[in-house]
Amino acid sequence: MRGRPQLEIEREKVYKTKKNPNGTFIARIIQVPKEENMLDFMLEIKNLKKKELSYRSLLVRTENWYYSFRLARGDLKWVSLHTVAVWDRLGHKLVEVAAPTGKENYRISDEHCSVYREK
């Protein structure tokens, strides 16, 4: 069947997961439905040795329709051995976090994230 896929996300769902090469940190992007037509993308970073979350924060809130949904899904990349960055599909770095401490090294402003709501 051709056309746009159905995007009915009714419960929290892991979109993407990534492990550190040495297996100590895990980072994932979670899709969380909010209101009837809104969707949150959250970044979680977990230390597998200590079995606890070091970071959990909202990346972007977007409308749950095909184009904004597709743009808001990020790519997880390891900037260094202990640093995680999330890039969007337009090539903007959304956030960069030191995984052990959960400290943000860089974060894009909410005004820049509004591009998802407008497109």
PDB file of N, CA and C in Angstrom:
ATOM      1  N   MET A   1       0.832  -1.182   0.000  1.00  0.00           N
ATOM      2  CA  MET A   1       0.000   0.000   0.000  1.00  0.00           C
ATOM      3  C   MET A   1       0.876   1.245   0.000  1.00  0.00           C
ATOM      4  N   ARG A   2       0.572   2.192  -0.871  1.00  0.00           N
ATOM      5  CA  ARG A   2       1.353   3.414  -0.992  1.00  0.00           C
ATOM      6  C   ARG A   2       0.754   4.515  -0.139  1.00  0.00           C
ATOM      7  N   GLY A   3       1.533   5.581   0.032  1.00  0.00           N
ATOM      8  CA  GLY A   3       1.053   6.715   0.822  1.00  0.00           C
ATOM      9  C   GLY A   3       1.738   6.780   2.163  1.00  0.00           C
ATOM     10  N   ARG A   4       1.252   7.669   2.999  1.00  0.00           N
ATOM     11  CA  ARG A   4       1.844   7.863   4.318  1.00  0.00           C
ATOM     12  C   ARG A   4       1.466   6.736   5.267  1.00  0.00           C
ATOM     13  N   PRO A   5       2.420   6.316   6.110  1.00  0.00           N
ATOM     14  CA  PRO A   5       2.090   5.284   7.102  1.00  0.00           C
ATOM     15  C   PRO A   5       1.234   5.867   8.218  1.00  0.00           C
ATOM     16  N   GLN A   6       0.503   5.020   8.888  1.00  0.00           N
ATOM     17  CA  GLN A   6      -0.275   5.447  10.052  1.00  0.00           C
ATOM     18  C   GLN A   6       0.684   5.722  11.204  1.00  0.00           C
ATOM     19  N   LEU A   7       0.423   6.769  11.970  1.00  0.00           N
ATOM     20  CA  LEU A   7       1.323   7.166  13.036  1.00  0.00           C
ATOM     21  C   LEU A   7       0.634   7.167  14.387  1.00  0.00           C
ATOM     22  N   GLU A   8      -0.172   6.194  14.651  1.00  0.00           N
ATOM     23  CA  GLU A   8      -0.882   6.136  15.927  1.00  0.00           C
ATOM     24  C   GLU A   8       0.045   5.557  16.990  1.00  0.00           C
ATOM     25  N   ILE A   9       0.706   6.438  17.724  1.00  0.00           N
ATOM     26  CA  ILE A   9       1.563   5.998  18.817  1.00  0.00           C
ATOM     27  C   ILE A   9       0.790   6.202  20.097  1.00  0.00           C
ATOM     28  N   GLU A  10       0.411   5.109  20.749  1.00  0.00           N
ATOM     29  CA  GLU A  10      -0.477   5.171  21.902  1.00  0.00           C
ATOM     30  C   GLU A  10       0.261   5.056  23.225  1.00  0.00           C
ATOM     31  N   ARG A  11       1.475   4.517  23.208  1.00  0.00           N
ATOM     32  CA  ARG A  11       2.204   4.371  24.456  1.00  0.00           C
ATOM     33  C   ARG A  11       3.678   4.677  24.205  1.00  0.00           C
ATOM     34  N   GLU A  12       4.428   4.785  25.283  1.00  0.00           N
ATOM     35  CA  GLU A  12       5.848   5.087  25.188  1.00  0.00           C
ATOM     36  C   GLU A  12       6.559   4.009  24.375  1.00  0.00           C
ATOM     37  N   LYS A  13       7.443   4.440  23.471  1.00  0.00           N
ATOM     38  CA  LYS A  13       8.091   3.507  22.565  1.00  0.00           C
ATOM     39  C   LYS A  13       9.537   3.934  22.350  1.00  0.00           C
ATOM     40  N   VAL A  14      10.462   2.993  22.417  1.00  0.00           N
ATOM     41  CA  VAL A  14      11.872   3.297  22.164  1.00  0.00           C
ATOM     42  C   VAL A  14      12.071   3.395  20.665  1.00  0.00           C
ATOM     43  N   TYR A  15      12.580   4.545  20.225  1.00  0.00           N
ATOM     44  CA  TYR A  15      12.826   4.737  18.791  1.00  0.00           C
ATOM     45  C   TYR A  15      14.212   4.232  18.411  1.00  0.00           C
ATOM     46  N   LYS A  16      15.217   4.634  19.153  1.00  0.00           N
ATOM     47  CA  LYS A  16      16.576   4.259  18.785  1.00  0.00           C
ATOM     48  C   LYS A  16      17.409   4.030  20.041  1.00  0.00           C
ATOM     49  N   THR A  17      18.259   3.015  20.027  1.00  0.00           N
ATOM     50  CA  THR A  17      19.123   2.684  21.153  1.00  0.00           C
ATOM     51  C   THR A  17      20.551   2.526  20.649  1.00  0.00           C
ATOM     52  N   LYS A  18      21.496   2.981  21.457  1.00  0.00           N
ATOM     53  CA  LYS A  18      22.899   2.859  21.070  1.00  0.00           C
ATOM     54  C   LYS A  18      23.745   2.578  22.299  1.00  0.00           C
ATOM     55  N   LYS A  19      24.695   1.626  22.180  1.00  0.00           N
ATOM     56  CA  LYS A  19      25.618   1.305  23.269  1.00  0.00           C
ATOM     57  C   LYS A  19      26.979   1.899  22.965  1.00  0.00           C
ATOM     58  N   ASN A  20      27.714   2.199  24.025  1.00  0.00           N
ATOM     59  CA  ASN A  20      29.093   2.624  23.893  1.00  0.00           C
ATOM     60  C   ASN A  20      29.912   1.433  23.403  1.00  0.00           C
ATOM     61  N   PRO A  21      30.998   1.661  22.666  1.00  0.00           N
ATOM     62  CA  PRO A  21      31.797   0.534  22.180  1.00  0.00           C
ATOM     63  C   PRO A  21      32.268  -0.412  23.285  1.00  0.00           C
ATOM     64  N   ASN A  22      32.540   0.126  24.482  1.00  0.00           N
ATOM     65  CA  ASN A  22      32.971  -0.763  25.566  1.00  0.00           C
ATOM     66  C   ASN A  22      31.793  -1.287  26.388  1.00  0.00           C
ATOM     67  N   GLY A  23      30.567  -0.931  26.009  1.00  0.00           N
ATOM     68  CA  GLY A  23      29.379  -1.497  26.637  1.00  0.00           C
ATOM     69  C   GLY A  23      28.948  -0.857  27.940  1.00  0.00           C
ATOM     70  N   THR A  24      29.521   0.300  28.324  1.00  0.00           N
ATOM     71  CA  THR A  24      29.182   0.871  29.625  1.00  0.00           C
ATOM     72  C   THR A  24      27.964   1.781  29.607  1.00  0.00           C
ATOM     73  N   PHE A  25      27.773   2.565  28.567  1.00  0.00           N
ATOM     74  CA  PHE A  25      26.659   3.502  28.545  1.00  0.00           C
ATOM     75  C   PHE A  25      25.675   3.131  27.457  1.00  0.00           C
ATOM     76  N   ILE A  26      24.429   3.380  27.729  1.00  0.00           N
ATOM     77  CA  ILE A  26      23.412   3.161  26.721  1.00  0.00           C
ATOM     78  C   ILE A  26      22.607   4.453  26.588  1.00  0.00           C
ATOM     79  N   ALA A  27      22.379   4.856  25.369  1.00  0.00           N
ATOM     80  CA  ALA A  27      21.590   6.057  25.113  1.00  0.00           C
ATOM     81  C   ALA A  27      20.424   5.652  24.224  1.00  0.00           C
ATOM     82  N   ARG A  28      19.263   6.258  24.482  1.00  0.00           N
ATOM     83  CA  ARG A  28      18.123   5.935  23.640  1.00  0.00           C
ATOM     84  C   ARG A  28      17.194   7.131  23.527  1.00  0.00           C
ATOM     85  N   ILE A  29      16.499   7.163  22.403  1.00  0.00           N
ATOM     86  CA  ILE A  29      15.479   8.170  22.166  1.00  0.00           C
ATOM     87  C   ILE A  29      14.128   7.483  22.316  1.00  0.00           C
ATOM     88  N   ILE A  30      13.266   8.091  23.125  1.00  0.00           N
ATOM     89  CA  ILE A  30      11.957   7.518  23.416  1.00  0.00           C
ATOM     90  C   ILE A  30      10.878   8.439  22.877  1.00  0.00           C
ATOM     91  N   GLN A  31       9.890   7.858  22.216  1.00  0.00           N
ATOM     92  CA  GLN A  31       8.715   8.599  21.737  1.00  0.00           C
ATOM     93  C   GLN A  31       7.616   8.459  22.780  1.00  0.00           C
ATOM     94  N   VAL A  32       7.109   9.592  23.250  1.00  0.00           N
ATOM     95  CA  VAL A  32       6.086   9.580  24.284  1.00  0.00           C
ATOM     96  C   VAL A  32       4.885  10.380  23.787  1.00  0.00           C
ATOM     97  N   PRO A  33       3.721   9.739  23.624  1.00  0.00           N
ATOM     98  CA  PRO A  33       2.542  10.504  23.214  1.00  0.00           C
ATOM     99  C   PRO A  33       2.075  11.389  24.361  1.00  0.00           C
ATOM    100  N   LYS A  34       1.726  12.639  24.056  1.00  0.00           N
ATOM    101  CA  LYS A  34       1.271  13.561  25.091  1.00  0.00           C
ATOM    102  C   LYS A  34      -0.224  13.799  24.957  1.00  0.00           C
ATOM    103  N   GLU A  35      -0.587  14.759  24.149  1.00  0.00           N
ATOM    104  CA  GLU A  35      -2.000  15.035  23.953  1.00  0.00           C
ATOM    105  C   GLU A  35      -2.477  14.226  22.752  1.00  0.00           C
ATOM    106  N   GLU A  36      -3.622  14.588  22.256  1.00  0.00           N
ATOM    107  CA  GLU A  36      -4.228  13.838  21.157  1.00  0.00           C
ATOM    108  C   GLU A  36      -3.333  13.780  19.923  1.00  0.00           C
ATOM    109  N   ASN A  37      -2.700  14.898  19.578  1.00  0.00           N
ATOM    110  CA  ASN A  37      -1.913  14.914  18.344  1.00  0.00           C
ATOM    111  C   ASN A  37      -0.475  15.385  18.561  1.00  0.00           C
ATOM    112  N   MET A  38       0.022  15.334  19.799  1.00  0.00           N
ATOM    113  CA  MET A  38       1.392  15.769  20.078  1.00  0.00           C
ATOM    114  C   MET A  38       2.240  14.575  20.520  1.00  0.00           C
ATOM    115  N   LEU A  39       3.545  14.707  20.279  1.00  0.00           N
ATOM    116  CA  LEU A  39       4.473  13.625  20.550  1.00  0.00           C
ATOM    117  C   LEU A  39       5.764  14.218  21.103  1.00  0.00           C
ATOM    118  N   ASP A  40       6.271  13.660  22.187  1.00  0.00           N
ATOM    119  CA  ASP A  40       7.541  14.096  22.774  1.00  0.00           C
ATOM    120  C   ASP A  40       8.638  13.111  22.403  1.00  0.00           C
ATOM    121  N   PHE A  41       9.810  13.639  22.122  1.00  0.00           N
ATOM    122  CA  PHE A  41      11.005  12.819  21.929  1.00  0.00           C
ATOM    123  C   PHE A  41      11.943  13.106  23.086  1.00  0.00           C
ATOM    124  N   MET A  42      12.236  12.089  23.891  1.00  0.00           N
ATOM    125  CA  MET A  42      13.071  12.229  25.080  1.00  0.00           C
ATOM    126  C   MET A  42      14.381  11.486  24.857  1.00  0.00           C
ATOM    127  N   LEU A  43      15.459  12.044  25.412  1.00  0.00           N
ATOM    128  CA  LEU A  43      16.760  11.375  25.394  1.00  0.00           C
ATOM    129  C   LEU A  43      17.035  10.845  26.788  1.00  0.00           C
ATOM    130  N   GLU A  44      17.363   9.556  26.859  1.00  0.00           N
ATOM    131  CA  GLU A  44      17.730   8.904  28.118  1.00  0.00           C
ATOM    132  C   GLU A  44      19.134   8.352  27.993  1.00  0.00           C
ATOM    133  N   ILE A  45      19.947   8.577  29.025  1.00  0.00           N
ATOM    134  CA  ILE A  45      21.284   7.990  29.067  1.00  0.00           C
ATOM    135  C   ILE A  45      21.400   7.219  30.372  1.00  0.00           C
ATOM    136  N   LYS A  46      21.772   5.960  30.245  1.00  0.00           N
ATOM    137  CA  LYS A  46      21.817   5.065  31.403  1.00  0.00           C
ATOM    138  C   LYS A  46      23.220   4.488  31.529  1.00  0.00           C
ATOM    139  N   ASN A  47      23.727   4.449  32.753  1.00  0.00           N
ATOM    140  CA  ASN A  47      25.010   3.829  33.032  1.00  0.00           C
ATOM    141  C   ASN A  47      24.750   2.363  33.357  1.00  0.00           C
ATOM    142  N   LEU A  48      25.215   1.467  32.509  1.00  0.00           N
ATOM    143  CA  LEU A  48      24.939   0.046  32.701  1.00  0.00           C
ATOM    144  C   LEU A  48      25.705  -0.558  33.869  1.00  0.00           C
ATOM    145  N   LYS A  49      26.849   0.038  34.248  1.00  0.00           N
ATOM    146  CA  LYS A  49      27.595  -0.481  35.402  1.00  0.00           C
ATOM    147  C   LYS A  49      26.886  -0.133  36.703  1.00  0.00           C
ATOM    148  N   LYS A  50      26.395   1.115  36.823  1.00  0.00           N
ATOM    149  CA  LYS A  50      25.719   1.545  38.046  1.00  0.00           C
ATOM    150  C   LYS A  50      24.220   1.256  38.019  1.00  0.00           C
ATOM    151  N   LYS A  51      23.690   0.890  36.860  1.00  0.00           N
ATOM    152  CA  LYS A  51      22.266   0.564  36.685  1.00  0.00           C
ATOM    153  C   LYS A  51      21.350   1.736  37.062  1.00  0.00           C
ATOM    154  N   GLU A  52      21.740   2.951  36.670  1.00  0.00           N
ATOM    155  CA  GLU A  52      20.908   4.111  36.964  1.00  0.00           C
ATOM    156  C   GLU A  52      20.955   5.109  35.813  1.00  0.00           C
ATOM    157  N   LEU A  53      19.932   5.947  35.747  1.00  0.00           N
ATOM    158  CA  LEU A  53      19.866   6.988  34.723  1.00  0.00           C
ATOM    159  C   LEU A  53      20.768   8.148  35.119  1.00  0.00           C
ATOM    160  N   SER A  54      21.570   8.622  34.169  1.00  0.00           N
ATOM    161  CA  SER A  54      22.362   9.815  34.438  1.00  0.00           C
ATOM    162  C   SER A  54      21.736  11.031  33.768  1.00  0.00           C
ATOM    163  N   TYR A  55      20.821  10.800  32.800  1.00  0.00           N
ATOM    164  CA  TYR A  55      20.219  11.922  32.070  1.00  0.00           C
ATOM    165  C   TYR A  55      18.887  11.487  31.484  1.00  0.00           C
ATOM    166  N   ARG A  56      17.879  12.348  31.607  1.00  0.00           N
ATOM    167  CA  ARG A  56      16.595  12.143  30.927  1.00  0.00           C
ATOM    168  C   ARG A  56      16.008  13.523  30.703  1.00  0.00           C
ATOM    169  N   SER A  57      15.821  13.872  29.429  1.00  0.00           N
ATOM    170  CA  SER A  57      15.340  15.211  29.118  1.00  0.00           C
ATOM    171  C   SER A  57      14.579  15.218  27.801  1.00  0.00           C
ATOM    172  N   LEU A  58      13.674  16.164  27.689  1.00  0.00           N
ATOM    173  CA  LEU A  58      12.884  16.344  26.475  1.00  0.00           C
ATOM    174  C   LEU A  58      13.754  16.960  25.386  1.00  0.00           C
ATOM    175  N   LEU A  59      13.793  16.327  24.227  1.00  0.00           N
ATOM    176  CA  LEU A  59      14.514  16.885  23.091  1.00  0.00           C
ATOM    177  C   LEU A  59      13.630  17.849  22.318  1.00  0.00           C
ATOM    178  N   VAL A  60      12.464  17.361  21.915  1.00  0.00           N
ATOM    179  CA  VAL A  60      11.553  18.177  21.119  1.00  0.00           C
ATOM    180  C   VAL A  60      10.138  17.645  21.264  1.00  0.00           C
ATOM    181  N   ARG A  61       9.170  18.546  21.212  1.00  0.00           N
ATOM    182  CA  ARG A  61       7.754  18.177  21.181  1.00  0.00           C
ATOM    183  C   ARG A  61       7.245  18.563  19.797  1.00  0.00           C
ATOM    184  N   THR A  62       6.595  17.638  19.155  1.00  0.00           N
ATOM    185  CA  THR A  62       6.164  17.895  17.783  1.00  0.00           C
ATOM    186  C   THR A  62       4.775  17.326  17.550  1.00  0.00           C
ATOM    187  N   GLU A  63       4.171  17.758  16.461  1.00  0.00           N
ATOM    188  CA  GLU A  63       2.874  17.210  16.079  1.00  0.00           C
ATOM    189  C   GLU A  63       3.070  15.794  15.565  1.00  0.00           C
ATOM    190  N   ASN A  64       2.117  14.938  15.847  1.00  0.00           N
ATOM    191  CA  ASN A  64       2.205  13.540  15.445  1.00  0.00           C
ATOM    192  C   ASN A  64       1.625  13.376  14.035  1.00  0.00           C
ATOM    193  N   TRP A  65       2.279  13.995  13.078  1.00  0.00           N
ATOM    194  CA  TRP A  65       1.912  13.769  11.690  1.00  0.00           C
ATOM    195  C   TRP A  65       3.182  13.528  10.899  1.00  0.00           C
ATOM    196  N   TYR A  66       3.065  12.995   9.728  1.00  0.00           N
ATOM    197  CA  TYR A  66       4.158  12.356   9.008  1.00  0.00           C
ATOM    198  C   TYR A  66       5.436  13.190   8.910  1.00  0.00           C
ATOM    199  N   TYR A  67       5.358  14.418   8.401  1.00  0.00           N
ATOM    200  CA  TYR A  67       6.576  15.173   8.122  1.00  0.00           C
ATOM    201  C   TYR A  67       7.253  15.683   9.385  1.00  0.00           C
ATOM    202  N   SER A  68       6.511  16.222  10.332  1.00  0.00           N
ATOM    203  CA  SER A  68       7.139  16.712  11.561  1.00  0.00           C
ATOM    204  C   SER A  68       7.671  15.542  12.390  1.00  0.00           C
ATOM    205  N   PHE A  69       6.954  14.451  12.378  1.00  0.00           N
ATOM    206  CA  PHE A  69       7.368  13.232  13.082  1.00  0.00           C
ATOM    207  C   PHE A  69       8.699  12.729  12.517  1.00  0.00           C
ATOM    208  N   ARG A  70       8.799  12.712  11.205  1.00  0.00           N
ATOM    209  CA  ARG A  70      10.002  12.221  10.552  1.00  0.00           C
ATOM    210  C   ARG A  70      11.195  13.144  10.814  1.00  0.00           C
ATOM    211  N   LEU A  71      10.969  14.457  10.791  1.00  0.00           N
ATOM    212  CA  LEU A  71      12.053  15.406  11.024  1.00  0.00           C
ATOM    213  C   LEU A  71      12.556  15.369  12.462  1.00  0.00           C
ATOM    214  N   ALA A  72      11.658  15.139  13.404  1.00  0.00           N
ATOM    215  CA  ALA A  72      12.029  15.218  14.817  1.00  0.00           C
ATOM    216  C   ALA A  72      12.822  14.015  15.300  1.00  0.00           C
ATOM    217  N   ARG A  73      12.740  12.894  14.611  1.00  0.00           N
ATOM    218  CA  ARG A  73      13.491  11.720  15.044  1.00  0.00           C
ATOM    219  C   ARG A  73      14.976  11.975  14.826  1.00  0.00           C
ATOM    220  N   GLY A  74      15.760  11.811  15.862  1.00  0.00           N
ATOM    221  CA  GLY A  74      17.177  12.161  15.787  1.00  0.00           C
ATOM    222  C   GLY A  74      18.085  10.980  15.542  1.00  0.00           C
ATOM    223  N   ASP A  75      19.329  11.304  15.235  1.00  0.00           N
ATOM    224  CA  ASP A  75      20.391  10.314  15.091  1.00  0.00           C
ATOM    225  C   ASP A  75      21.306  10.419  16.295  1.00  0.00           C
ATOM    226  N   LEU A  76      21.502   9.318  17.002  1.00  0.00           N
ATOM    227  CA  LEU A  76      22.410   9.273  18.148  1.00  0.00           C
ATOM    228  C   LEU A  76      23.820   9.008  17.641  1.00  0.00           C
ATOM    229  N   LYS A  77      24.776   9.814  18.111  1.00  0.00           N
ATOM    230  CA  LYS A  77      26.167   9.599  17.733  1.00  0.00           C
ATOM    231  C   LYS A  77      27.047   9.769  18.956  1.00  0.00           C
ATOM    232  N   TRP A  78      28.139   9.018  18.996  1.00  0.00           N
ATOM    233  CA  TRP A  78      29.128   9.188  20.058  1.00  0.00           C
ATOM    234  C   TRP A  78      30.145  10.197  19.574  1.00  0.00           C
ATOM    235  N   VAL A  79      30.214  11.356  20.236  1.00  0.00           N
ATOM    236  CA  VAL A  79      31.191  12.387  19.894  1.00  0.00           C
ATOM    237  C   VAL A  79      32.565  11.967  20.397  1.00  0.00           C
ATOM    238  N   SER A  80      32.599  11.413  21.595  1.00  0.00           N
ATOM    239  CA  SER A  80      33.806  10.819  22.156  1.00  0.00           C
ATOM    240  C   SER A  80      33.367   9.578  22.923  1.00  0.00           C
ATOM    241  N   LEU A  81      34.288   8.972  23.645  1.00  0.00           N
ATOM    242  CA  LEU A  81      33.966   7.731  24.355  1.00  0.00           C
ATOM    243  C   LEU A  81      32.865   7.925  25.396  1.00  0.00           C
ATOM    244  N   HIS A  82      32.784   9.123  26.008  1.00  0.00           N
ATOM    245  CA  HIS A  82      31.819   9.362  27.076  1.00  0.00           C
ATOM    246  C   HIS A  82      30.841  10.490  26.764  1.00  0.00           C
ATOM    247  N   THR A  83      30.697  10.875  25.515  1.00  0.00           N
ATOM    248  CA  THR A  83      29.821  11.987  25.152  1.00  0.00           C
ATOM    249  C   THR A  83      28.870  11.578  24.039  1.00  0.00           C
ATOM    250  N   VAL A  84      27.581  11.843  24.257  1.00  0.00           N
ATOM    251  CA  VAL A  84      26.535  11.498  23.301  1.00  0.00           C
ATOM    252  C   VAL A  84      25.983  12.781  22.689  1.00  0.00           C
ATOM    253  N   ALA A  85      25.747  12.769  21.384  1.00  0.00           N
ATOM    254  CA  ALA A  85      25.114  13.905  20.715  1.00  0.00           C
ATOM    255  C   ALA A  85      23.938  13.391  19.892  1.00  0.00           C
ATOM    256  N   VAL A  86      22.898  14.220  19.782  1.00  0.00           N
ATOM    257  CA  VAL A  86      21.737  13.892  18.963  1.00  0.00           C
ATOM    258  C   VAL A  86      21.645  14.933  17.866  1.00  0.00           C
ATOM    259  N   TRP A  87      21.589  14.453  16.634  1.00  0.00           N
ATOM    260  CA  TRP A  87      21.473  15.314  15.456  1.00  0.00           C
ATOM    261  C   TRP A  87      20.111  15.066  14.833  1.00  0.00           C
ATOM    262  N   ASP A  88      19.488  16.109  14.306  1.00  0.00           N
ATOM    263  CA  ASP A  88      18.205  15.920  13.632  1.00  0.00           C
ATOM    264  C   ASP A  88      18.436  15.614  12.156  1.00  0.00           C
ATOM    265  N   ARG A  89      17.367  15.398  11.433  1.00  0.00           N
ATOM    266  CA  ARG A  89      17.456  15.043  10.009  1.00  0.00           C
ATOM    267  C   ARG A  89      17.858  16.227   9.131  1.00  0.00           C
ATOM    268  N   LEU A  90      17.841  17.447   9.691  1.00  0.00           N
ATOM    269  CA  LEU A  90      18.234  18.630   8.929  1.00  0.00           C
ATOM    270  C   LEU A  90      19.704  18.981   9.140  1.00  0.00           C
ATOM    271  N   GLY A  91      20.402  18.206   9.974  1.00  0.00           N
ATOM    272  CA  GLY A  91      21.817  18.446  10.212  1.00  0.00           C
ATOM    273  C   GLY A  91      22.117  19.349  11.392  1.00  0.00           C
ATOM    274  N   HIS A  92      21.130  19.670  12.229  1.00  0.00           N
ATOM    275  CA  HIS A  92      21.358  20.482  13.416  1.00  0.00           C
ATOM    276  C   HIS A  92      21.659  19.582  14.604  1.00  0.00           C
ATOM    277  N   LYS A  93      22.636  19.987  15.400  1.00  0.00           N
ATOM    278  CA  LYS A  93      22.904  19.260  16.640  1.00  0.00           C
ATOM    279  C   LYS A  93      21.898  19.740  17.675  1.00  0.00           C
ATOM    280  N   LEU A  94      21.070  18.830  18.202  1.00  0.00           N
ATOM    281  CA  LEU A  94      20.055  19.201  19.179  1.00  0.00           C
ATOM    282  C   LEU A  94      20.644  19.303  20.578  1.00  0.00           C
ATOM    283  N   VAL A  95      21.432  18.320  20.966  1.00  0.00           N
ATOM    284  CA  VAL A  95      21.979  18.302  22.318  1.00  0.00           C
ATOM    285  C   VAL A  95      23.247  17.463  22.341  1.00  0.00           C
ATOM    286  N   GLU A  96      24.158  17.810  23.252  1.00  0.00           N
ATOM    287  CA  GLU A  96      25.360  17.015  23.492  1.00  0.00           C
ATOM    288  C   GLU A  96      25.494  16.858  24.998  1.00  0.00           C
ATOM    289  N   VAL A  97      25.637  15.626  25.461  1.00  0.00           N
ATOM    290  CA  VAL A  97      25.618  15.329  26.899  1.00  0.00           C
ATOM    291  C   VAL A  97      26.810  14.454  27.273  1.00  0.00           C
ATOM    292  N   ALA A  98      27.461  14.786  28.392  1.00  0.00           N
ATOM    293  CA  ALA A  98      28.491  13.931  28.967  1.00  0.00           C
ATOM    294  C   ALA A  98      27.768  12.792  29.681  1.00  0.00           C
ATOM    295  N   ALA A  99      27.924  11.591  29.190  1.00  0.00           N
ATOM    296  CA  ALA A  99      27.122  10.462  29.669  1.00  0.00           C
ATOM    297  C   ALA A  99      27.307  10.120  31.150  1.00  0.00           C
ATOM    298  N   PRO A 100      28.526  10.107  31.713  1.00  0.00           N
ATOM    299  CA  PRO A 100      28.647   9.707  33.124  1.00  0.00           C
ATOM    300  C   PRO A 100      27.972  10.683  34.095  1.00  0.00           C
ATOM    301  N   THR A 101      28.067  11.992  33.811  1.00  0.00           N
ATOM    302  CA  THR A 101      27.545  12.987  34.748  1.00  0.00           C
ATOM    303  C   THR A 101      26.156  13.484  34.378  1.00  0.00           C
ATOM    304  N   GLY A 102      25.761  13.369  33.112  1.00  0.00           N
ATOM    305  CA  GLY A 102      24.483  13.905  32.668  1.00  0.00           C
ATOM    306  C   GLY A 102      24.530  15.401  32.433  1.00  0.00           C
ATOM    307  N   LYS A 103      25.733  15.985  32.382  1.00  0.00           N
ATOM    308  CA  LYS A 103      25.885  17.429  32.175  1.00  0.00           C
ATOM    309  C   LYS A 103      25.810  17.745  30.681  1.00  0.00           C
ATOM    310  N   GLU A 104      24.987  18.757  30.339  1.00  0.00           N
ATOM    311  CA  GLU A 104      24.864  19.168  28.939  1.00  0.00           C
ATOM    312  C   GLU A 104      26.036  20.058  28.551  1.00  0.00           C
ATOM    313  N   ASN A 105      26.723  19.684  27.476  1.00  0.00           N
ATOM    314  CA  ASN A 105      27.789  20.512  26.935  1.00  0.00           C
ATOM    315  C   ASN A 105      27.226  21.522  25.939  1.00  0.00           C
ATOM    316  N   TYR A 106      26.112  21.146  25.306  1.00  0.00           N
ATOM    317  CA  TYR A 106      25.506  21.990  24.276  1.00  0.00           C
ATOM    318  C   TYR A 106      24.035  21.623  24.167  1.00  0.00           C
ATOM    319  N   ARG A 107      23.192  22.631  23.933  1.00  0.00           N
ATOM    320  CA  ARG A 107      21.770  22.365  23.709  1.00  0.00           C
ATOM    321  C   ARG A 107      21.215  23.433  22.785  1.00  0.00           C
ATOM    322  N   ILE A 108      20.468  23.010  21.768  1.00  0.00           N
ATOM    323  CA  ILE A 108      19.844  23.950  20.851  1.00  0.00           C
ATOM    324  C   ILE A 108      18.649  24.610  21.561  1.00  0.00           C
ATOM    325  N   SER A 109      18.376  25.834  21.226  1.00  0.00           N
ATOM    326  CA  SER A 109      17.300  26.570  21.906  1.00  0.00           C
ATOM    327  C   SER A 109      15.921  26.099  21.433  1.00  0.00           C
ATOM    328  N   ASP A 110      14.910  26.392  22.231  1.00  0.00           N
ATOM    329  CA  ASP A 110      13.542  26.020  21.884  1.00  0.00           C
ATOM    330  C   ASP A 110      13.066  26.721  20.619  1.00  0.00           C
ATOM    331  N   GLU A 111      13.593  27.919  20.349  1.00  0.00           N
ATOM    332  CA  GLU A 111      13.202  28.640  19.129  1.00  0.00           C
ATOM    333  C   GLU A 111      13.618  27.866  17.887  1.00  0.00           C
ATOM    334  N   HIS A 112      14.808  27.264  17.937  1.00  0.00           N
ATOM    335  CA  HIS A 112      15.254  26.466  16.803  1.00  0.00           C
ATOM    336  C   HIS A 112      14.422  25.209  16.656  1.00  0.00           C
ATOM    337  N   CYS A 113      13.968  24.647  17.774  1.00  0.00           N
ATOM    338  CA  CYS A 113      13.130  23.446  17.718  1.00  0.00           C
ATOM    339  C   CYS A 113      11.760  23.748  17.138  1.00  0.00           C
ATOM    340  N   SER A 114      11.368  25.006  17.101  1.00  0.00           N
ATOM    341  CA  SER A 114      10.052  25.348  16.570  1.00  0.00           C
ATOM    342  C   SER A 114       9.949  25.064  15.076  1.00  0.00           C
ATOM    343  N   VAL A 115      11.076  24.827  14.413  1.00  0.00           N
ATOM    344  CA  VAL A 115      11.054  24.475  12.994  1.00  0.00           C
ATOM    345  C   VAL A 115      10.225  23.218  12.772  1.00  0.00           C
ATOM    346  N   TYR A 116      10.186  22.309  13.763  1.00  0.00           N
ATOM    347  CA  TYR A 116       9.411  21.083  13.622  1.00  0.00           C
ATOM    348  C   TYR A 116       7.913  21.364  13.637  1.00  0.00           C
ATOM    349  N   ARG A 117       7.529  22.333  14.453  1.00  0.00           N
ATOM    350  CA  ARG A 117       6.102  22.625  14.573  1.00  0.00           C
ATOM    351  C   ARG A 117       5.580  23.396  13.357  1.00  0.00           C
ATOM    352  N   GLU A 118       6.472  24.091  12.652  1.00  0.00           N
ATOM    353  CA  GLU A 118       6.057  24.904  11.522  1.00  0.00           C
ATOM    354  C   GLU A 118       6.020  24.130  10.216  1.00  0.00           C
ATOM    355  N   LYS A 119       6.797  23.063  10.107  1.00  0.00           N
ATOM    356  CA  LYS A 119       6.866  22.328   8.834  1.00  0.00           C
ATOM    357  C   LYS A 119       5.871  21.204   8.771  1.00  0.00           C
TER     358      LYS A 119
END
